[in-house]
Amino acid sequence: MSIKINTKSEKETYLLGKKIAKKLKGGEVLALAGNLGAGKTIFTKGLAAGLGVKQIITSPTFVIMKVYKIKNQKSAIKNFIHIDCYRVGDPDSIEAIGALEYFGQKETVVLIEWAEKIKHILPKKTIKIKIVIKGANKRIINFN
């Protein structure tokens, strides 16, 4: 089933990420795609905030993967893994840094920006999210 949601500002994109976080149970892998400037990091910041991450979220473009511990006692989710594949030339490098070990872990949510670069190693149940720019602040966010 495909769902499309329109946002009209960075704040709406952020709040959508926060809202989606509340529906996650743990074990999910989210594959985020979209052009540069589409709002992937804004969505990610909202998702992380919704999960209870207190740290400032920035894209791990150069380090590729960041692990955030979540200390929310009301949630079963204890880890948020943020992966950025923008600079990844070889999908095997994602395996080499241990990212695959987090896929499907019950206490973990993994979000991957530029996930299309590693699509052949993503789990079958990956939630695919594509952000499409439709104007200065307008976005269409597709969930599959």
C-alpha atoms as a PDB file:
ATOM      1  CA  MET A   1       0.000   0.000   0.000  1.00  0.00           C
ATOM      2  CA  SER A   2       1.342   3.402  -0.972  1.00  0.00           C
ATOM      3  CA  ILE A   3       0.613   6.578   1.006  1.00  0.00           C
ATOM      4  CA  LYS A   4       1.331  10.139  -0.174  1.00  0.00           C
ATOM      5  CA  ILE A   5       1.497  13.063   2.235  1.00  0.00           C
ATOM      6  CA  ASN A   6       2.000  16.700   1.239  1.00  0.00           C
ATOM      7  CA  THR A   7       3.976  19.069   3.441  1.00  0.00           C
ATOM      8  CA  LYS A   8       4.187  22.816   2.903  1.00  0.00           C
ATOM      9  CA  SER A   9       7.102  23.753   5.166  1.00  0.00           C
ATOM     10  CA  GLU A  10      10.188  22.378   6.889  1.00  0.00           C
ATOM     11  CA  LYS A  11       8.205  22.408  10.128  1.00  0.00           C
ATOM     12  CA  GLU A  12       5.479  20.189   8.603  1.00  0.00           C
ATOM     13  CA  THR A  13       8.119  17.770   7.272  1.00  0.00           C
ATOM     14  CA  TYR A  14       9.753  17.684  10.731  1.00  0.00           C
ATOM     15  CA  LEU A  15       6.400  17.116  12.455  1.00  0.00           C
ATOM     16  CA  LEU A  16       5.552  14.319   9.997  1.00  0.00           C
ATOM     17  CA  GLY A  17       8.792  12.553  10.952  1.00  0.00           C
ATOM     18  CA  LYS A  18       7.891  12.977  14.615  1.00  0.00           C
ATOM     19  CA  LYS A  19       4.400  11.554  14.002  1.00  0.00           C
ATOM     20  CA  ILE A  20       5.779   8.542  12.081  1.00  0.00           C
ATOM     21  CA  ALA A  21       8.170   7.812  14.985  1.00  0.00           C
ATOM     22  CA  LYS A  22       5.212   7.299  17.315  1.00  0.00           C
ATOM     23  CA  LYS A  23       3.994   4.423  15.099  1.00  0.00           C
ATOM     24  CA  LEU A  24       7.300   2.531  15.153  1.00  0.00           C
ATOM     25  CA  LYS A  25       7.666  -0.517  17.388  1.00  0.00           C
ATOM     26  CA  GLY A  26      11.354  -1.325  16.890  1.00  0.00           C
ATOM     27  CA  GLY A  27      13.103  -3.474  14.304  1.00  0.00           C
ATOM     28  CA  GLU A  28      12.153  -1.193  11.392  1.00  0.00           C
ATOM     29  CA  VAL A  29      14.517  -0.165   8.630  1.00  0.00           C
ATOM     30  CA  LEU A  30      13.477   3.014   6.813  1.00  0.00           C
ATOM     31  CA  ALA A  31      14.993   3.733   3.387  1.00  0.00           C
ATOM     32  CA  LEU A  32      14.876   7.461   2.664  1.00  0.00           C
ATOM     33  CA  ALA A  33      15.325   8.765  -0.877  1.00  0.00           C
ATOM     34  CA  GLY A  34      15.137  12.210  -2.437  1.00  0.00           C
ATOM     35  CA  ASN A  35      17.243  14.796  -4.238  1.00  0.00           C
ATOM     36  CA  LEU A  36      19.687  17.081  -2.433  1.00  0.00           C
ATOM     37  CA  GLY A  37      17.679  19.603  -0.437  1.00  0.00           C
ATOM     38  CA  ALA A  38      14.495  17.524  -0.524  1.00  0.00           C
ATOM     39  CA  GLY A  39      14.179  17.439   3.266  1.00  0.00           C
ATOM     40  CA  LYS A  40      15.597  14.037   4.173  1.00  0.00           C
ATOM     41  CA  THR A  41      17.534  15.386   7.142  1.00  0.00           C
ATOM     42  CA  ILE A  42      14.598  17.525   8.354  1.00  0.00           C
ATOM     43  CA  PHE A  43      12.369  14.416   8.277  1.00  0.00           C
ATOM     44  CA  THR A  44      15.109  12.449  10.077  1.00  0.00           C
ATOM     45  CA  LYS A  45      15.415  15.103  12.800  1.00  0.00           C
ATOM     46  CA  GLY A  46      11.674  14.886  13.407  1.00  0.00           C
ATOM     47  CA  LEU A  47      11.743  11.099  13.484  1.00  0.00           C
ATOM     48  CA  ALA A  48      14.643  11.099  15.940  1.00  0.00           C
ATOM     49  CA  ALA A  49      12.889  13.636  18.183  1.00  0.00           C
ATOM     50  CA  GLY A  50       9.736  11.521  18.094  1.00  0.00           C
ATOM     51  CA  LEU A  51      11.756   8.497  19.201  1.00  0.00           C
ATOM     52  CA  GLY A  52      13.203  10.441  22.127  1.00  0.00           C
ATOM     53  CA  VAL A  53      16.703  11.212  20.816  1.00  0.00           C
ATOM     54  CA  LYS A  54      17.997  14.251  22.743  1.00  0.00           C
ATOM     55  CA  GLN A  55      21.163  14.908  20.717  1.00  0.00           C
ATOM     56  CA  ILE A  56      21.320  17.273  17.732  1.00  0.00           C
ATOM     57  CA  ILE A  57      20.909  15.256  14.525  1.00  0.00           C
ATOM     58  CA  THR A  58      23.185  15.988  11.580  1.00  0.00           C
ATOM     59  CA  SER A  59      23.697  13.887   8.476  1.00  0.00           C
ATOM     60  CA  PRO A  60      26.580  11.464   8.971  1.00  0.00           C
ATOM     61  CA  THR A  61      27.796  12.126   5.420  1.00  0.00           C
ATOM     62  CA  PHE A  62      31.472  11.640   6.253  1.00  0.00           C
ATOM     63  CA  VAL A  63      31.250   9.143   9.107  1.00  0.00           C
ATOM     64  CA  ILE A  64      28.440   7.246   7.310  1.00  0.00           C
ATOM     65  CA  MET A  65      26.751   5.956  10.485  1.00  0.00           C
ATOM     66  CA  LYS A  66      25.790   7.437  13.849  1.00  0.00           C
ATOM     67  CA  VAL A  67      24.314   5.495  16.746  1.00  0.00           C
ATOM     68  CA  TYR A  68      22.035   7.333  19.173  1.00  0.00           C
ATOM     69  CA  LYS A  69      21.008   5.794  22.496  1.00  0.00           C
ATOM     70  CA  ILE A  70      17.431   6.458  23.585  1.00  0.00           C
ATOM     71  CA  LYS A  71      16.777   6.640  27.306  1.00  0.00           C
ATOM     72  CA  ASN A  72      12.965   6.777  27.115  1.00  0.00           C
ATOM     73  CA  GLN A  73      11.779   4.184  29.620  1.00  0.00           C
ATOM     74  CA  LYS A  74       8.279   4.092  28.087  1.00  0.00           C
ATOM     75  CA  SER A  75       9.556   2.857  24.724  1.00  0.00           C
ATOM     76  CA  ALA A  76      10.951  -0.519  23.712  1.00  0.00           C
ATOM     77  CA  ILE A  77      13.187   1.338  21.219  1.00  0.00           C
ATOM     78  CA  LYS A  78      16.618   1.931  22.743  1.00  0.00           C
ATOM     79  CA  ASN A  79      18.720   2.768  19.647  1.00  0.00           C
ATOM     80  CA  PHE A  80      18.314   5.019  16.627  1.00  0.00           C
ATOM     81  CA  ILE A  81      20.797   4.314  13.842  1.00  0.00           C
ATOM     82  CA  HIS A  82      21.240   7.049  11.223  1.00  0.00           C
ATOM     83  CA  ILE A  83      23.098   6.016   8.074  1.00  0.00           C
ATOM     84  CA  ASP A  84      23.946   8.312   5.162  1.00  0.00           C
ATOM     85  CA  CYS A  85      24.971   6.559   1.944  1.00  0.00           C
ATOM     86  CA  TYR A  86      25.578   9.727  -0.109  1.00  0.00           C
ATOM     87  CA  ARG A  87      29.340   9.098  -0.284  1.00  0.00           C
ATOM     88  CA  VAL A  88      29.111   5.303  -0.367  1.00  0.00           C
ATOM     89  CA  GLY A  89      30.610   3.944  -3.569  1.00  0.00           C
ATOM     90  CA  ASP A  90      30.595   0.280  -2.635  1.00  0.00           C
ATOM     91  CA  PRO A  91      27.568  -1.113  -0.727  1.00  0.00           C
ATOM     92  CA  ASP A  92      29.905  -3.620   0.945  1.00  0.00           C
ATOM     93  CA  SER A  93      31.400  -0.718   2.929  1.00  0.00           C
ATOM     94  CA  ILE A  94      28.083  -0.505   4.818  1.00  0.00           C
ATOM     95  CA  GLU A  95      28.550  -4.117   5.799  1.00  0.00           C
ATOM     96  CA  ALA A  96      32.170  -3.425   6.795  1.00  0.00           C
ATOM     97  CA  ILE A  97      31.159  -0.759   9.356  1.00  0.00           C
ATOM     98  CA  GLY A  98      28.703  -3.178  11.002  1.00  0.00           C
ATOM     99  CA  ALA A  99      25.481  -1.470   9.902  1.00  0.00           C
ATOM    100  CA  LEU A 100      23.766  -4.706   8.922  1.00  0.00           C
ATOM    101  CA  GLU A 101      24.023  -5.934  12.513  1.00  0.00           C
ATOM    102  CA  TYR A 102      21.376  -3.339  13.455  1.00  0.00           C
ATOM    103  CA  PHE A 103      18.872  -4.354  10.749  1.00  0.00           C
ATOM    104  CA  GLY A 104      15.851  -5.995  12.340  1.00  0.00           C
ATOM    105  CA  GLN A 105      16.986  -5.608  15.959  1.00  0.00           C
ATOM    106  CA  LYS A 106      13.858  -5.311  18.140  1.00  0.00           C
ATOM    107  CA  GLU A 107      15.170  -2.392  20.217  1.00  0.00           C
ATOM    108  CA  THR A 108      16.459  -0.450  17.192  1.00  0.00           C
ATOM    109  CA  VAL A 109      15.148   1.755  14.402  1.00  0.00           C
ATOM    110  CA  VAL A 110      17.457   2.272  11.403  1.00  0.00           C
ATOM    111  CA  LEU A 111      17.006   5.184   9.000  1.00  0.00           C
ATOM    112  CA  ILE A 112      19.123   5.263   5.833  1.00  0.00           C
ATOM    113  CA  GLU A 113      19.468   8.400   3.714  1.00  0.00           C
ATOM    114  CA  TRP A 114      20.349   7.775   0.041  1.00  0.00           C
ATOM    115  CA  ALA A 115      19.271   4.160   0.602  1.00  0.00           C
ATOM    116  CA  GLU A 116      18.906   3.543  -3.145  1.00  0.00           C
ATOM    117  CA  LYS A 117      22.713   3.192  -3.236  1.00  0.00           C
ATOM    118  CA  ILE A 118      22.509   0.013  -1.138  1.00  0.00           C
ATOM    119  CA  LYS A 119      19.078  -1.280  -2.158  1.00  0.00           C
ATOM    120  CA  HIS A 120      20.266  -4.830  -2.835  1.00  0.00           C
ATOM    121  CA  ILE A 121      21.323  -5.338   0.813  1.00  0.00           C
ATOM    122  CA  LEU A 122      18.188  -3.858   2.429  1.00  0.00           C
ATOM    123  CA  PRO A 123      15.838  -6.224   4.272  1.00  0.00           C
ATOM    124  CA  LYS A 124      12.655  -7.275   2.434  1.00  0.00           C
ATOM    125  CA  LYS A 125      10.406  -5.464   4.918  1.00  0.00           C
ATOM    126  CA  THR A 126      12.200  -2.114   4.533  1.00  0.00           C
ATOM    127  CA  ILE A 127       9.842   0.872   4.681  1.00  0.00           C
ATOM    128  CA  LYS A 128      10.606   2.974   1.600  1.00  0.00           C
ATOM    129  CA  ILE A 129      10.114   6.732   1.869  1.00  0.00           C
ATOM    130  CA  LYS A 130      10.686   9.093  -1.052  1.00  0.00           C
ATOM    131  CA  ILE A 131      10.592  12.864  -0.711  1.00  0.00           C
ATOM    132  CA  VAL A 132       9.803  14.768  -3.915  1.00  0.00           C
ATOM    133  CA  ILE A 133      10.298  18.534  -4.207  1.00  0.00           C
ATOM    134  CA  LYS A 134       7.195  20.276  -5.597  1.00  0.00           C
ATOM    135  CA  GLY A 135       8.102  23.909  -4.927  1.00  0.00           C
ATOM    136  CA  ALA A 136      10.104  26.157  -2.594  1.00  0.00           C
ATOM    137  CA  ASN A 137       8.770  24.485   0.564  1.00  0.00           C
ATOM    138  CA  LYS A 138       6.288  21.969  -0.830  1.00  0.00           C
ATOM    139  CA  ARG A 139       7.112  18.286  -0.647  1.00  0.00           C
ATOM    140  CA  ILE A 140       5.300  15.071  -1.479  1.00  0.00           C
ATOM    141  CA  ILE A 141       6.368  12.269   0.815  1.00  0.00           C
ATOM    142  CA  ASN A 142       5.622   8.787  -0.517  1.00  0.00           C
ATOM    143  CA  PHE A 143       5.568   5.770   1.775  1.00  0.00           C
ATOM    144  CA  ASN A 144       5.741   2.227   0.312  1.00  0.00           C
END
